[in-house]
Amino acid sequence: MRMDFLKYINYPKPSINYLLVINLTLAVVLMSISLMVELASEPPVLYFERARKAVARARDCQANIYATDLLIAAELDFNQAQLAWMRENQRWMINREYYRTREYSIKALKAADHAALRALAVRDSLRWLAQTGIQLLKKQIVLVRPHLIDMPIQRELRQKIAWGELLTMESEAAFKRGDYRRA
């Protein structure tokens, strides 16, 4: 009985050609999307992260104090990498090219590493110089002070000697704080 009912319904039967065209069209669209995703340039996440960590490490090494010029250059290159990445993300997926982002990240990484190394070298040199200088001055003060008591010295010279002792104490305090440039 059911078969009899279906005879009277008049609906268009899809032809095999029509289904074939739809399936082929879907296959071409899916393959095109897959190809676009596969051929799209990948963002340089690894380079960017290394550069970010290198800039942070340079700041931790006090490059802002001891290698200011190199840290500024590294931060500028890192900011340029960020801008280049943002510009590329605004483009269509197939047209994205992260070449500039990669190049700026590499430049920032190199400059930050250089800044960290220079900062450590300068800081250690200044530390040694300040430590040695303070020790020598303190020895000189201990040697000279007993002789100054008995000598007739002008008041201005006595004030300069006292000022020198005060500056030596300030240098020692700066050294203890880790401010080697001031020490």
N, C-alpha and C. Protein backbone atom coordinates (compact mmCIF):
# COMPACT_ATOMS: atom_id res chain seq x y z
N MET A 1 0.80 -1.19 0.00
CA MET A 1 0.00 0.00 0.00
C MET A 1 0.86 1.27 0.00
N ARG A 2 1.90 1.17 0.66
CA ARG A 2 2.79 2.33 0.70
C ARG A 2 3.34 2.63 -0.68
N MET A 3 3.65 1.70 -1.42
CA MET A 3 4.17 1.88 -2.77
C MET A 3 3.17 2.59 -3.65
N ASP A 4 1.91 2.30 -3.42
CA ASP A 4 0.89 2.95 -4.24
C ASP A 4 0.84 4.44 -3.96
N PHE A 5 1.04 4.78 -2.71
CA PHE A 5 1.00 6.19 -2.33
C PHE A 5 2.16 6.96 -2.96
N LEU A 6 3.34 6.36 -3.00
CA LEU A 6 4.51 7.03 -3.57
C LEU A 6 4.38 7.25 -5.07
N LYS A 7 3.56 6.45 -5.73
CA LYS A 7 3.38 6.63 -7.16
C LYS A 7 2.74 7.96 -7.48
N TYR A 8 1.86 8.40 -6.62
CA TYR A 8 1.09 9.60 -6.89
C TYR A 8 1.82 10.88 -6.52
N ILE A 9 2.89 10.77 -5.73
CA ILE A 9 3.67 11.96 -5.38
C ILE A 9 4.57 12.25 -6.56
N ASN A 10 4.51 13.46 -6.97
CA ASN A 10 5.29 13.85 -8.13
C ASN A 10 6.43 14.75 -7.68
N TYR A 11 7.57 14.20 -7.40
CA TYR A 11 8.74 14.98 -7.00
C TYR A 11 9.84 14.70 -8.01
N PRO A 12 10.70 15.74 -8.21
CA PRO A 12 11.76 15.52 -9.20
C PRO A 12 12.82 14.60 -8.64
N LYS A 13 13.19 13.66 -9.39
CA LYS A 13 14.23 12.73 -9.00
C LYS A 13 15.57 13.32 -9.43
N PRO A 14 16.51 13.46 -8.46
CA PRO A 14 17.81 14.02 -8.86
C PRO A 14 18.52 13.05 -9.79
N SER A 15 19.09 13.63 -10.76
CA SER A 15 19.83 12.79 -11.69
C SER A 15 21.22 12.52 -11.13
N ILE A 16 21.85 11.53 -11.63
CA ILE A 16 23.18 11.15 -11.19
C ILE A 16 24.17 12.25 -11.54
N ASN A 17 24.00 12.94 -12.63
CA ASN A 17 24.91 14.02 -13.03
C ASN A 17 24.85 15.19 -12.04
N TYR A 18 23.66 15.50 -11.58
CA TYR A 18 23.49 16.59 -10.64
C TYR A 18 24.22 16.29 -9.33
N LEU A 19 24.11 15.10 -8.78
CA LEU A 19 24.79 14.70 -7.55
C LEU A 19 26.31 14.67 -7.74
N LEU A 20 26.72 14.23 -8.91
CA LEU A 20 28.15 14.18 -9.22
C LEU A 20 28.76 15.58 -9.23
N VAL A 21 28.07 16.52 -9.81
CA VAL A 21 28.55 17.91 -9.88
C VAL A 21 28.65 18.50 -8.47
N ILE A 22 27.65 18.26 -7.64
CA ILE A 22 27.67 18.77 -6.27
C ILE A 22 28.84 18.16 -5.50
N ASN A 23 29.03 16.86 -5.60
CA ASN A 23 30.13 16.20 -4.90
C ASN A 23 31.49 16.68 -5.39
N LEU A 24 31.66 16.85 -6.68
CA LEU A 24 32.92 17.36 -7.23
C LEU A 24 33.19 18.79 -6.78
N THR A 25 32.16 19.61 -6.76
CA THR A 25 32.32 21.00 -6.32
C THR A 25 32.75 21.04 -4.85
N LEU A 26 32.10 20.25 -4.01
CA LEU A 26 32.49 20.20 -2.60
C LEU A 26 33.92 19.69 -2.43
N ALA A 27 34.29 18.71 -3.21
CA ALA A 27 35.65 18.17 -3.13
C ALA A 27 36.68 19.22 -3.53
N VAL A 28 36.40 19.97 -4.59
CA VAL A 28 37.32 21.02 -5.05
C VAL A 28 37.42 22.12 -3.99
N VAL A 29 36.31 22.51 -3.40
CA VAL A 29 36.33 23.55 -2.37
C VAL A 29 37.12 23.08 -1.16
N LEU A 30 36.88 21.87 -0.71
CA LEU A 30 37.60 21.35 0.45
C LEU A 30 39.09 21.20 0.17
N MET A 31 39.44 20.75 -1.01
CA MET A 31 40.85 20.62 -1.37
C MET A 31 41.51 22.00 -1.47
N SER A 32 40.78 22.99 -1.98
CA SER A 32 41.33 24.34 -2.07
C SER A 32 41.59 24.91 -0.68
N ILE A 33 40.64 24.72 0.22
CA ILE A 33 40.82 25.21 1.59
C ILE A 33 42.00 24.50 2.25
N SER A 34 42.09 23.19 2.06
CA SER A 34 43.21 22.43 2.64
C SER A 34 44.53 22.91 2.08
N LEU A 35 44.57 23.16 0.79
CA LEU A 35 45.80 23.64 0.15
C LEU A 35 46.18 25.03 0.66
N MET A 36 45.19 25.90 0.83
CA MET A 36 45.47 27.25 1.34
C MET A 36 46.04 27.19 2.76
N VAL A 37 45.44 26.33 3.58
CA VAL A 37 45.92 26.21 4.96
C VAL A 37 47.33 25.63 4.97
N GLU A 38 47.57 24.66 4.10
CA GLU A 38 48.88 24.02 4.06
C GLU A 38 49.97 24.96 3.54
N LEU A 39 49.62 25.77 2.55
CA LEU A 39 50.61 26.66 1.93
C LEU A 39 50.79 27.99 2.67
N ALA A 40 49.88 28.28 3.58
CA ALA A 40 49.97 29.55 4.32
C ALA A 40 51.23 29.56 5.17
N SER A 41 51.84 30.72 5.24
CA SER A 41 53.06 30.89 6.02
C SER A 41 52.73 30.83 7.51
N GLU A 42 53.54 30.08 8.24
CA GLU A 42 53.32 29.97 9.68
C GLU A 42 54.02 31.11 10.40
N PRO A 43 53.40 31.64 11.44
CA PRO A 43 54.05 32.71 12.19
C PRO A 43 55.30 32.20 12.91
N PRO A 44 56.32 33.04 13.01
CA PRO A 44 57.58 32.63 13.65
C PRO A 44 57.52 32.70 15.16
N VAL A 45 56.71 31.86 15.73
CA VAL A 45 56.48 31.88 17.19
C VAL A 45 57.79 31.63 17.95
N LEU A 46 58.57 30.67 17.50
CA LEU A 46 59.80 30.31 18.20
C LEU A 46 60.79 31.48 18.22
N TYR A 47 60.99 32.12 17.06
CA TYR A 47 61.90 33.26 16.99
C TYR A 47 61.41 34.40 17.89
N PHE A 48 60.12 34.64 17.83
CA PHE A 48 59.53 35.73 18.60
C PHE A 48 59.68 35.48 20.10
N GLU A 49 59.42 34.26 20.55
CA GLU A 49 59.56 33.93 21.97
C GLU A 49 61.00 34.03 22.44
N ARG A 50 61.92 33.57 21.61
CA ARG A 50 63.34 33.67 21.98
C ARG A 50 63.75 35.13 22.12
N ALA A 51 63.28 35.97 21.21
CA ALA A 51 63.61 37.39 21.28
C ALA A 51 63.01 38.02 22.54
N ARG A 52 61.76 37.68 22.85
CA ARG A 52 61.12 38.23 24.05
C ARG A 52 61.88 37.83 25.31
N LYS A 53 62.28 36.57 25.38
CA LYS A 53 63.03 36.10 26.55
C LYS A 53 64.41 36.74 26.63
N ALA A 54 65.04 36.96 25.48
CA ALA A 54 66.37 37.58 25.47
C ALA A 54 66.29 39.04 25.95
N VAL A 55 65.25 39.76 25.54
CA VAL A 55 65.08 41.16 25.98
C VAL A 55 64.83 41.18 27.49
N ALA A 56 64.01 40.26 27.99
CA ALA A 56 63.76 40.19 29.43
C ALA A 56 65.03 39.85 30.20
N ARG A 57 65.83 38.95 29.64
CA ARG A 57 67.09 38.56 30.29
C ARG A 57 68.06 39.75 30.32
N ALA A 58 68.09 40.54 29.24
CA ALA A 58 68.96 41.72 29.20
C ALA A 58 68.53 42.74 30.26
N ARG A 59 67.22 42.90 30.44
CA ARG A 59 66.74 43.81 31.50
C ARG A 59 67.16 43.29 32.88
N ASP A 60 67.06 41.96 33.07
CA ASP A 60 67.46 41.37 34.35
C ASP A 60 68.95 41.57 34.62
N CYS A 61 69.75 41.63 33.57
CA CYS A 61 71.20 41.85 33.72
C CYS A 61 71.53 43.33 33.85
N GLN A 62 70.52 44.16 34.03
CA GLN A 62 70.66 45.61 34.19
C GLN A 62 71.27 46.28 32.97
N ALA A 63 70.87 45.81 31.79
CA ALA A 63 71.35 46.43 30.56
C ALA A 63 70.82 47.86 30.43
N ASN A 64 69.71 48.16 31.09
CA ASN A 64 69.19 49.53 31.06
C ASN A 64 70.15 50.51 31.75
N ILE A 65 71.04 49.99 32.60
CA ILE A 65 72.03 50.85 33.28
C ILE A 65 73.39 50.76 32.59
N TYR A 66 73.82 49.55 32.25
CA TYR A 66 75.19 49.33 31.79
C TYR A 66 75.33 49.18 30.28
N ALA A 67 74.25 48.95 29.55
CA ALA A 67 74.32 48.83 28.08
C ALA A 67 73.03 49.40 27.48
N THR A 68 72.77 50.64 27.81
CA THR A 68 71.52 51.29 27.44
C THR A 68 71.28 51.29 25.95
N ASP A 69 72.30 51.64 25.17
CA ASP A 69 72.13 51.75 23.72
C ASP A 69 71.74 50.42 23.09
N LEU A 70 72.37 49.36 23.54
CA LEU A 70 72.06 48.04 22.97
C LEU A 70 70.67 47.55 23.40
N LEU A 71 70.29 47.83 24.63
CA LEU A 71 68.96 47.43 25.08
C LEU A 71 67.88 48.20 24.32
N ILE A 72 68.10 49.48 24.09
CA ILE A 72 67.13 50.27 23.33
C ILE A 72 66.99 49.72 21.92
N ALA A 73 68.11 49.36 21.29
CA ALA A 73 68.06 48.79 19.94
C ALA A 73 67.31 47.45 19.95
N ALA A 74 67.55 46.63 20.96
CA ALA A 74 66.86 45.33 21.05
C ALA A 74 65.35 45.52 21.23
N GLU A 75 64.98 46.45 22.11
CA GLU A 75 63.56 46.70 22.34
C GLU A 75 62.89 47.28 21.09
N LEU A 76 63.60 48.14 20.38
CA LEU A 76 63.06 48.71 19.15
C LEU A 76 62.83 47.60 18.11
N ASP A 77 63.79 46.71 17.95
CA ASP A 77 63.63 45.61 17.00
C ASP A 77 62.50 44.67 17.43
N PHE A 78 62.37 44.43 18.72
CA PHE A 78 61.30 43.57 19.21
C PHE A 78 59.93 44.22 18.94
N ASN A 79 59.83 45.53 19.17
CA ASN A 79 58.58 46.23 18.87
C ASN A 79 58.27 46.19 17.38
N GLN A 80 59.30 46.31 16.54
CA GLN A 80 59.09 46.22 15.09
C GLN A 80 58.60 44.82 14.71
N ALA A 81 59.11 43.80 15.37
CA ALA A 81 58.65 42.42 15.12
C ALA A 81 57.17 42.28 15.48
N GLN A 82 56.79 42.88 16.61
CA GLN A 82 55.38 42.83 17.01
C GLN A 82 54.49 43.53 15.98
N LEU A 83 54.91 44.70 15.53
CA LEU A 83 54.13 45.44 14.54
C LEU A 83 54.03 44.68 13.22
N ALA A 84 55.13 44.09 12.79
CA ALA A 84 55.12 43.33 11.55
C ALA A 84 54.17 42.13 11.67
N TRP A 85 54.17 41.48 12.81
CA TRP A 85 53.29 40.34 13.02
C TRP A 85 51.83 40.78 12.97
N MET A 86 51.53 41.91 13.63
CA MET A 86 50.15 42.42 13.62
C MET A 86 49.72 42.78 12.20
N ARG A 87 50.62 43.40 11.42
CA ARG A 87 50.29 43.74 10.03
C ARG A 87 49.99 42.50 9.21
N GLU A 88 50.79 41.47 9.40
CA GLU A 88 50.58 40.24 8.63
C GLU A 88 49.29 39.54 9.04
N ASN A 89 48.94 39.61 10.31
CA ASN A 89 47.70 38.97 10.76
C ASN A 89 46.46 39.66 10.20
N GLN A 90 46.60 40.89 9.74
CA GLN A 90 45.47 41.59 9.15
C GLN A 90 45.28 41.21 7.68
N ARG A 91 46.25 40.56 7.12
CA ARG A 91 46.15 40.14 5.72
C ARG A 91 45.43 38.80 5.62
N TRP A 92 45.04 38.47 4.39
CA TRP A 92 44.37 37.20 4.15
C TRP A 92 45.38 36.08 4.34
N MET A 93 44.92 34.91 4.77
CA MET A 93 45.79 33.81 5.18
C MET A 93 46.84 33.44 4.13
N ILE A 94 46.46 33.38 2.90
CA ILE A 94 47.41 32.97 1.85
C ILE A 94 48.47 34.04 1.60
N ASN A 95 48.12 35.28 1.77
CA ASN A 95 49.04 36.38 1.48
C ASN A 95 49.98 36.72 2.64
N ARG A 96 49.84 36.03 3.76
CA ARG A 96 50.69 36.33 4.91
C ARG A 96 52.11 35.86 4.67
N GLU A 97 53.03 36.74 4.98
CA GLU A 97 54.46 36.42 4.88
C GLU A 97 55.12 37.02 6.11
N TYR A 98 55.63 36.17 6.96
CA TYR A 98 56.20 36.60 8.23
C TYR A 98 57.70 36.83 8.15
N TYR A 99 58.20 37.15 7.00
CA TYR A 99 59.64 37.34 6.82
C TYR A 99 60.16 38.48 7.70
N ARG A 100 59.47 39.62 7.67
CA ARG A 100 59.93 40.77 8.47
C ARG A 100 59.85 40.48 9.97
N THR A 101 58.80 39.80 10.38
CA THR A 101 58.68 39.45 11.79
C THR A 101 59.85 38.58 12.22
N ARG A 102 60.19 37.61 11.40
CA ARG A 102 61.31 36.71 11.70
C ARG A 102 62.62 37.49 11.76
N GLU A 103 62.84 38.36 10.78
CA GLU A 103 64.09 39.14 10.72
C GLU A 103 64.23 40.07 11.92
N TYR A 104 63.16 40.78 12.25
CA TYR A 104 63.22 41.68 13.41
C TYR A 104 63.40 40.90 14.71
N SER A 105 62.79 39.74 14.81
CA SER A 105 62.95 38.91 16.00
C SER A 105 64.40 38.46 16.15
N ILE A 106 65.01 38.06 15.05
CA ILE A 106 66.41 37.63 15.08
C ILE A 106 67.32 38.79 15.47
N LYS A 107 67.05 39.98 14.90
CA LYS A 107 67.84 41.16 15.25
C LYS A 107 67.69 41.50 16.73
N ALA A 108 66.46 41.43 17.23
CA ALA A 108 66.21 41.73 18.65
C ALA A 108 66.92 40.72 19.54
N LEU A 109 66.89 39.46 19.16
CA LEU A 109 67.56 38.42 19.92
C LEU A 109 69.07 38.68 20.00
N LYS A 110 69.68 38.98 18.88
CA LYS A 110 71.12 39.24 18.86
C LYS A 110 71.48 40.48 19.67
N ALA A 111 70.71 41.54 19.48
CA ALA A 111 71.00 42.79 20.21
C ALA A 111 70.79 42.61 21.72
N ALA A 112 69.76 41.88 22.10
CA ALA A 112 69.50 41.65 23.53
C ALA A 112 70.60 40.79 24.16
N ASP A 113 71.02 39.75 23.44
CA ASP A 113 72.12 38.92 23.96
C ASP A 113 73.40 39.74 24.12
N HIS A 114 73.67 40.58 23.12
CA HIS A 114 74.85 41.44 23.18
C HIS A 114 74.73 42.42 24.35
N ALA A 115 73.54 42.98 24.54
CA ALA A 115 73.32 43.92 25.65
C ALA A 115 73.52 43.24 27.00
N ALA A 116 73.03 42.02 27.13
CA ALA A 116 73.19 41.30 28.39
C ALA A 116 74.67 41.02 28.67
N LEU A 117 75.39 40.57 27.64
CA LEU A 117 76.81 40.29 27.83
C LEU A 117 77.59 41.55 28.18
N ARG A 118 77.31 42.64 27.47
CA ARG A 118 78.01 43.89 27.76
C ARG A 118 77.66 44.40 29.15
N ALA A 119 76.41 44.30 29.52
CA ALA A 119 75.99 44.77 30.85
C ALA A 119 76.71 44.00 31.95
N LEU A 120 76.79 42.69 31.78
CA LEU A 120 77.49 41.88 32.79
C LEU A 120 78.97 42.24 32.86
N ALA A 121 79.58 42.43 31.69
CA ALA A 121 81.01 42.76 31.66
C ALA A 121 81.26 44.13 32.29
N VAL A 122 80.46 45.11 31.92
CA VAL A 122 80.64 46.47 32.45
C VAL A 122 80.36 46.49 33.95
N ARG A 123 79.29 45.81 34.36
CA ARG A 123 78.95 45.78 35.79
C ARG A 123 80.07 45.14 36.60
N ASP A 124 80.59 44.02 36.10
CA ASP A 124 81.68 43.35 36.83
C ASP A 124 82.94 44.20 36.86
N SER A 125 83.23 44.88 35.77
CA SER A 125 84.40 45.76 35.73
C SER A 125 84.25 46.92 36.70
N LEU A 126 83.06 47.54 36.69
CA LEU A 126 82.82 48.64 37.61
C LEU A 126 82.83 48.17 39.07
N ARG A 127 82.34 46.98 39.29
CA ARG A 127 82.35 46.42 40.65
C ARG A 127 83.80 46.27 41.14
N TRP A 128 84.62 45.67 40.29
CA TRP A 128 86.01 45.48 40.67
C TRP A 128 86.70 46.82 40.87
N LEU A 129 86.47 47.76 39.95
CA LEU A 129 87.09 49.08 40.02
C LEU A 129 86.66 49.81 41.29
N ALA A 130 85.36 49.77 41.59
CA ALA A 130 84.87 50.46 42.80
C ALA A 130 85.41 49.80 44.06
N GLN A 131 85.41 48.49 44.09
CA GLN A 131 85.91 47.78 45.27
C GLN A 131 87.38 48.09 45.51
N THR A 132 88.16 48.04 44.45
CA THR A 132 89.60 48.32 44.57
C THR A 132 89.83 49.77 44.96
N GLY A 133 89.11 50.68 44.33
CA GLY A 133 89.27 52.10 44.63
C GLY A 133 88.90 52.44 46.05
N ILE A 134 87.81 51.88 46.54
CA ILE A 134 87.38 52.14 47.91
C ILE A 134 88.41 51.60 48.91
N GLN A 135 88.90 50.41 48.65
CA GLN A 135 89.91 49.83 49.55
C GLN A 135 91.18 50.70 49.59
N LEU A 136 91.61 51.15 48.41
CA LEU A 136 92.81 51.99 48.37
C LEU A 136 92.60 53.32 49.09
N LEU A 137 91.45 53.93 48.88
CA LEU A 137 91.16 55.20 49.55
C LEU A 137 91.10 55.04 51.07
N LYS A 138 90.46 53.97 51.52
CA LYS A 138 90.37 53.75 52.95
C LYS A 138 91.76 53.53 53.56
N LYS A 139 92.63 52.83 52.86
CA LYS A 139 94.00 52.64 53.35
C LYS A 139 94.73 53.98 53.40
N GLN A 140 94.57 54.80 52.38
CA GLN A 140 95.22 56.11 52.35
C GLN A 140 94.72 57.00 53.48
N ILE A 141 93.42 56.94 53.72
CA ILE A 141 92.86 57.75 54.81
C ILE A 141 93.43 57.31 56.16
N VAL A 142 93.52 56.02 56.38
CA VAL A 142 94.07 55.50 57.64
C VAL A 142 95.54 55.92 57.79
N LEU A 143 96.29 55.91 56.68
CA LEU A 143 97.70 56.30 56.75
C LEU A 143 97.90 57.80 56.96
N VAL A 144 97.06 58.61 56.35
CA VAL A 144 97.26 60.06 56.35
C VAL A 144 96.63 60.73 57.57
N ARG A 145 95.54 60.22 58.07
CA ARG A 145 94.81 60.88 59.14
C ARG A 145 95.67 61.20 60.37
N PRO A 146 96.51 60.30 60.90
CA PRO A 146 97.31 60.66 62.09
C PRO A 146 98.28 61.82 61.83
N HIS A 147 98.77 61.94 60.62
CA HIS A 147 99.71 63.02 60.30
C HIS A 147 99.01 64.35 60.13
N LEU A 148 97.75 64.34 59.77
CA LEU A 148 97.01 65.58 59.55
C LEU A 148 96.69 66.31 60.86
N ILE A 149 96.58 65.55 61.91
CA ILE A 149 96.23 66.15 63.20
C ILE A 149 97.32 67.12 63.66
N ASP A 150 98.58 66.74 63.47
CA ASP A 150 99.70 67.55 63.95
C ASP A 150 100.11 68.63 62.96
N MET A 151 99.73 68.52 61.72
CA MET A 151 100.20 69.47 60.70
C MET A 151 99.33 70.73 60.67
N PRO A 152 99.99 71.85 60.51
CA PRO A 152 99.20 73.09 60.35
C PRO A 152 98.72 73.19 58.89
N ILE A 153 97.44 72.94 58.68
CA ILE A 153 96.86 72.95 57.32
C ILE A 153 95.78 74.02 57.29
N GLN A 154 95.66 74.64 56.11
CA GLN A 154 94.62 75.65 55.94
C GLN A 154 93.24 75.02 56.11
N ARG A 155 92.33 75.84 56.50
CA ARG A 155 90.97 75.38 56.76
C ARG A 155 90.32 74.81 55.50
N GLU A 156 90.54 75.43 54.38
CA GLU A 156 89.94 74.96 53.11
C GLU A 156 90.44 73.56 52.75
N LEU A 157 91.73 73.32 52.95
CA LEU A 157 92.30 72.01 52.65
C LEU A 157 91.74 70.96 53.62
N ARG A 158 91.59 71.33 54.88
CA ARG A 158 91.01 70.41 55.86
C ARG A 158 89.56 70.06 55.47
N GLN A 159 88.81 71.03 54.95
CA GLN A 159 87.44 70.79 54.51
C GLN A 159 87.42 69.84 53.29
N LYS A 160 88.37 70.02 52.40
CA LYS A 160 88.45 69.14 51.22
C LYS A 160 88.79 67.70 51.62
N ILE A 161 89.65 67.56 52.61
CA ILE A 161 90.00 66.22 53.10
C ILE A 161 88.77 65.57 53.74
N ALA A 162 88.03 66.34 54.54
CA ALA A 162 86.81 65.81 55.17
C ALA A 162 85.77 65.45 54.10
N TRP A 163 85.68 66.30 53.09
CA TRP A 163 84.76 66.03 51.97
C TRP A 163 85.17 64.73 51.25
N GLY A 164 86.43 64.51 51.07
CA GLY A 164 86.93 63.27 50.45
C GLY A 164 86.58 62.04 51.27
N GLU A 165 86.72 62.16 52.59
CA GLU A 165 86.35 61.03 53.47
C GLU A 165 84.85 60.75 53.39
N LEU A 166 84.06 61.81 53.34
CA LEU A 166 82.61 61.65 53.23
C LEU A 166 82.24 60.98 51.90
N LEU A 167 82.87 61.40 50.83
CA LEU A 167 82.60 60.79 49.51
C LEU A 167 83.02 59.32 49.49
N THR A 168 84.09 59.01 50.19
CA THR A 168 84.53 57.61 50.27
C THR A 168 83.47 56.77 51.00
N MET A 169 82.90 57.31 52.07
CA MET A 169 81.85 56.59 52.79
C MET A 169 80.60 56.44 51.91
N GLU A 170 80.26 57.46 51.16
CA GLU A 170 79.11 57.38 50.25
C GLU A 170 79.36 56.33 49.16
N SER A 171 80.58 56.29 48.66
CA SER A 171 80.93 55.28 47.66
C SER A 171 80.79 53.88 48.22
N GLU A 172 81.22 53.71 49.45
CA GLU A 172 81.12 52.40 50.09
C GLU A 172 79.65 52.01 50.27
N ALA A 173 78.81 52.96 50.63
CA ALA A 173 77.38 52.68 50.79
C ALA A 173 76.75 52.32 49.44
N ALA A 174 77.13 53.05 48.40
CA ALA A 174 76.62 52.74 47.05
C ALA A 174 77.09 51.37 46.60
N PHE A 175 78.30 51.02 46.94
CA PHE A 175 78.84 49.70 46.57
C PHE A 175 78.04 48.60 47.26
N LYS A 176 77.72 48.79 48.53
CA LYS A 176 76.95 47.79 49.27
C LYS A 176 75.54 47.63 48.71
N ARG A 177 74.98 48.71 48.14
CA ARG A 177 73.65 48.64 47.51
C ARG A 177 73.71 47.99 46.14
N GLY A 178 74.92 47.84 45.59
CA GLY A 178 75.06 47.27 44.25
C GLY A 178 75.04 48.33 43.15
N ASP A 179 75.12 49.59 43.53
CA ASP A 179 75.16 50.69 42.56
C ASP A 179 76.62 50.98 42.24
N TYR A 180 77.20 50.13 41.40
CA TYR A 180 78.63 50.20 41.13
C TYR A 180 79.00 51.42 40.32
N ARG A 181 78.10 51.90 39.49
CA ARG A 181 78.40 53.09 38.69
C ARG A 181 78.57 54.30 39.61
N ARG A 182 77.71 54.44 40.58
CA ARG A 182 77.82 55.56 41.51
C ARG A 182 79.00 55.38 42.44
N ALA A 183 79.28 54.16 42.83
CA ALA A 183 80.40 53.89 43.74
C ALA A 183 81.71 54.24 43.04
